[in-house]
Amino acid sequence: MKEELNMLDDTSPTKTADYIYAHLQDLTRLARQNDMAMLVYLLEMAQIEAMEIASQIRPIHKG
């Protein structure tokens, strides 16, 4: 995981937010499987924040 984090040093904020979001999904699933309700809630809030950050950074394509 440390190598993955080092690779993110030179990537865009969008890729970083997407990476964080993906890992938060995995952590949320683990917390849910172990009935950690408060942790699930907090991780879901962090997912929402990461998603919002990525959408604010990502250019909007008008078709």
N, C-alpha and C. Protein backbone atom coordinates (compact mmCIF):
# COMPACT_ATOMS: atom_id res chain seq x y z
N MET A 1 0.82 -1.19 0.00
CA MET A 1 0.00 0.00 0.00
C MET A 1 0.87 1.26 0.00
N LYS A 2 2.00 1.20 0.69
CA LYS A 2 2.86 2.37 0.71
C LYS A 2 3.36 2.71 -0.69
N GLU A 3 3.66 1.66 -1.49
CA GLU A 3 4.08 1.91 -2.87
C GLU A 3 2.97 2.58 -3.67
N GLU A 4 1.73 2.15 -3.45
CA GLU A 4 0.59 2.77 -4.13
C GLU A 4 0.49 4.25 -3.76
N LEU A 5 0.69 4.55 -2.50
CA LEU A 5 0.61 5.94 -2.05
C LEU A 5 1.72 6.78 -2.67
N ASN A 6 2.91 6.21 -2.79
CA ASN A 6 4.01 6.93 -3.42
C ASN A 6 3.72 7.23 -4.88
N MET A 7 3.03 6.31 -5.55
CA MET A 7 2.67 6.52 -6.95
C MET A 7 1.69 7.68 -7.10
N LEU A 8 0.90 7.93 -6.08
CA LEU A 8 -0.09 8.99 -6.13
C LEU A 8 0.52 10.38 -5.99
N ASP A 9 1.76 10.46 -5.57
CA ASP A 9 2.41 11.75 -5.38
C ASP A 9 2.39 12.60 -6.65
N ASP A 10 2.50 11.95 -7.79
CA ASP A 10 2.59 12.67 -9.05
C ASP A 10 1.31 12.59 -9.89
N THR A 11 0.21 12.19 -9.30
CA THR A 11 -1.03 12.07 -10.06
C THR A 11 -1.94 13.26 -9.81
N SER A 12 -3.00 13.30 -10.57
CA SER A 12 -3.94 14.41 -10.47
C SER A 12 -4.80 14.29 -9.21
N PRO A 13 -5.36 15.40 -8.77
CA PRO A 13 -6.28 15.35 -7.63
C PRO A 13 -7.48 14.45 -7.89
N THR A 14 -7.94 14.39 -9.15
CA THR A 14 -9.07 13.54 -9.48
C THR A 14 -8.72 12.07 -9.26
N LYS A 15 -7.57 11.65 -9.74
CA LYS A 15 -7.15 10.26 -9.55
C LYS A 15 -6.97 9.95 -8.08
N THR A 16 -6.44 10.89 -7.34
CA THR A 16 -6.25 10.69 -5.90
C THR A 16 -7.60 10.52 -5.21
N ALA A 17 -8.56 11.37 -5.52
CA ALA A 17 -9.89 11.26 -4.92
C ALA A 17 -10.56 9.95 -5.31
N ASP A 18 -10.40 9.53 -6.56
CA ASP A 18 -10.97 8.26 -7.01
C ASP A 18 -10.32 7.08 -6.27
N TYR A 19 -9.02 7.15 -6.06
CA TYR A 19 -8.30 6.11 -5.34
C TYR A 19 -8.81 6.01 -3.90
N ILE A 20 -8.93 7.15 -3.25
CA ILE A 20 -9.42 7.18 -1.87
C ILE A 20 -10.83 6.63 -1.80
N TYR A 21 -11.68 7.03 -2.73
CA TYR A 21 -13.06 6.55 -2.78
C TYR A 21 -13.11 5.03 -2.90
N ALA A 22 -12.30 4.47 -3.78
CA ALA A 22 -12.29 3.02 -3.98
C ALA A 22 -11.89 2.28 -2.70
N HIS A 23 -10.89 2.79 -2.02
CA HIS A 23 -10.46 2.14 -0.78
C HIS A 23 -11.49 2.31 0.32
N LEU A 24 -12.15 3.44 0.35
CA LEU A 24 -13.20 3.64 1.34
C LEU A 24 -14.35 2.66 1.13
N GLN A 25 -14.65 2.34 -0.13
CA GLN A 25 -15.70 1.35 -0.41
C GLN A 25 -15.33 0.00 0.20
N ASP A 26 -14.07 -0.40 0.02
CA ASP A 26 -13.62 -1.67 0.59
C ASP A 26 -13.69 -1.66 2.11
N LEU A 27 -13.24 -0.57 2.71
CA LEU A 27 -13.26 -0.47 4.17
C LEU A 27 -14.69 -0.45 4.70
N THR A 28 -15.58 0.21 3.99
CA THR A 28 -16.98 0.26 4.40
C THR A 28 -17.59 -1.14 4.38
N ARG A 29 -17.29 -1.90 3.32
CA ARG A 29 -17.80 -3.26 3.22
C ARG A 29 -17.31 -4.11 4.39
N LEU A 30 -16.03 -3.99 4.74
CA LEU A 30 -15.49 -4.74 5.87
C LEU A 30 -16.17 -4.35 7.19
N ALA A 31 -16.35 -3.06 7.39
CA ALA A 31 -17.00 -2.59 8.61
C ALA A 31 -18.45 -3.08 8.68
N ARG A 32 -19.14 -3.06 7.55
CA ARG A 32 -20.54 -3.51 7.51
C ARG A 32 -20.63 -5.00 7.83
N GLN A 33 -19.70 -5.80 7.29
CA GLN A 33 -19.69 -7.24 7.54
C GLN A 33 -19.48 -7.56 9.01
N ASN A 34 -18.86 -6.64 9.73
CA ASN A 34 -18.57 -6.86 11.15
C ASN A 34 -19.44 -6.04 12.08
N ASP A 35 -20.57 -5.56 11.54
CA ASP A 35 -21.57 -4.83 12.34
C ASP A 35 -20.99 -3.64 13.10
N MET A 36 -20.18 -2.85 12.42
CA MET A 36 -19.59 -1.65 13.01
C MET A 36 -20.33 -0.43 12.48
N ALA A 37 -21.53 -0.23 13.01
CA ALA A 37 -22.46 0.75 12.46
C ALA A 37 -21.89 2.17 12.42
N MET A 38 -21.29 2.62 13.49
CA MET A 38 -20.77 3.99 13.51
C MET A 38 -19.62 4.15 12.51
N LEU A 39 -18.77 3.15 12.43
CA LEU A 39 -17.67 3.20 11.48
C LEU A 39 -18.19 3.17 10.05
N VAL A 40 -19.22 2.38 9.78
CA VAL A 40 -19.84 2.36 8.46
C VAL A 40 -20.34 3.76 8.11
N TYR A 41 -21.01 4.38 9.05
CA TYR A 41 -21.54 5.73 8.83
C TYR A 41 -20.41 6.71 8.49
N LEU A 42 -19.36 6.70 9.28
CA LEU A 42 -18.25 7.63 9.06
C LEU A 42 -17.55 7.37 7.73
N LEU A 43 -17.35 6.11 7.40
CA LEU A 43 -16.72 5.77 6.12
C LEU A 43 -17.60 6.17 4.95
N GLU A 44 -18.91 6.00 5.08
CA GLU A 44 -19.82 6.43 4.02
C GLU A 44 -19.78 7.94 3.84
N MET A 45 -19.68 8.67 4.94
CA MET A 45 -19.56 10.12 4.85
C MET A 45 -18.26 10.51 4.13
N ALA A 46 -17.19 9.80 4.43
CA ALA A 46 -15.92 10.06 3.77
C ALA A 46 -16.01 9.72 2.27
N GLN A 47 -16.76 8.67 1.92
CA GLN A 47 -16.97 8.33 0.51
C GLN A 47 -17.68 9.46 -0.22
N ILE A 48 -18.71 9.99 0.41
CA ILE A 48 -19.46 11.10 -0.19
C ILE A 48 -18.54 12.29 -0.41
N GLU A 49 -17.72 12.59 0.57
CA GLU A 49 -16.79 13.72 0.46
C GLU A 49 -15.80 13.50 -0.68
N ALA A 50 -15.24 12.29 -0.78
CA ALA A 50 -14.29 11.99 -1.85
C ALA A 50 -14.96 12.10 -3.22
N MET A 51 -16.20 11.62 -3.31
CA MET A 51 -16.94 11.69 -4.57
C MET A 51 -17.20 13.14 -4.95
N GLU A 52 -17.57 13.96 -3.98
CA GLU A 52 -17.83 15.37 -4.25
C GLU A 52 -16.56 16.10 -4.66
N ILE A 53 -15.46 15.79 -4.01
CA ILE A 53 -14.19 16.42 -4.37
C ILE A 53 -13.82 16.04 -5.81
N ALA A 54 -13.95 14.77 -6.15
CA ALA A 54 -13.62 14.33 -7.50
C ALA A 54 -14.52 15.00 -8.53
N SER A 55 -15.79 15.17 -8.22
CA SER A 55 -16.71 15.77 -9.19
C SER A 55 -16.46 17.27 -9.33
N GLN A 56 -15.96 17.93 -8.29
CA GLN A 56 -15.65 19.36 -8.37
C GLN A 56 -14.39 19.58 -9.21
N ILE A 57 -13.49 18.63 -9.17
CA ILE A 57 -12.23 18.76 -9.90
C ILE A 57 -12.40 18.35 -11.35
N ARG A 58 -13.16 17.26 -11.56
CA ARG A 58 -13.31 16.68 -12.88
C ARG A 58 -14.06 17.65 -13.80
N PRO A 59 -13.55 17.89 -14.99
CA PRO A 59 -14.26 18.79 -15.90
C PRO A 59 -15.60 18.20 -16.33
N ILE A 60 -16.57 19.07 -16.50
CA ILE A 60 -17.89 18.65 -16.91
C ILE A 60 -17.95 18.64 -18.43
N HIS A 61 -18.31 17.49 -18.97
CA HIS A 61 -18.40 17.35 -20.42
C HIS A 61 -19.83 17.63 -20.86
N LYS A 62 -19.98 18.59 -21.74
CA LYS A 62 -21.30 18.90 -22.28
C LYS A 62 -21.40 18.29 -23.66
N GLY A 63 -22.38 17.41 -23.81
CA GLY A 63 -22.51 16.67 -25.05
C GLY A 63 -23.41 17.33 -25.98
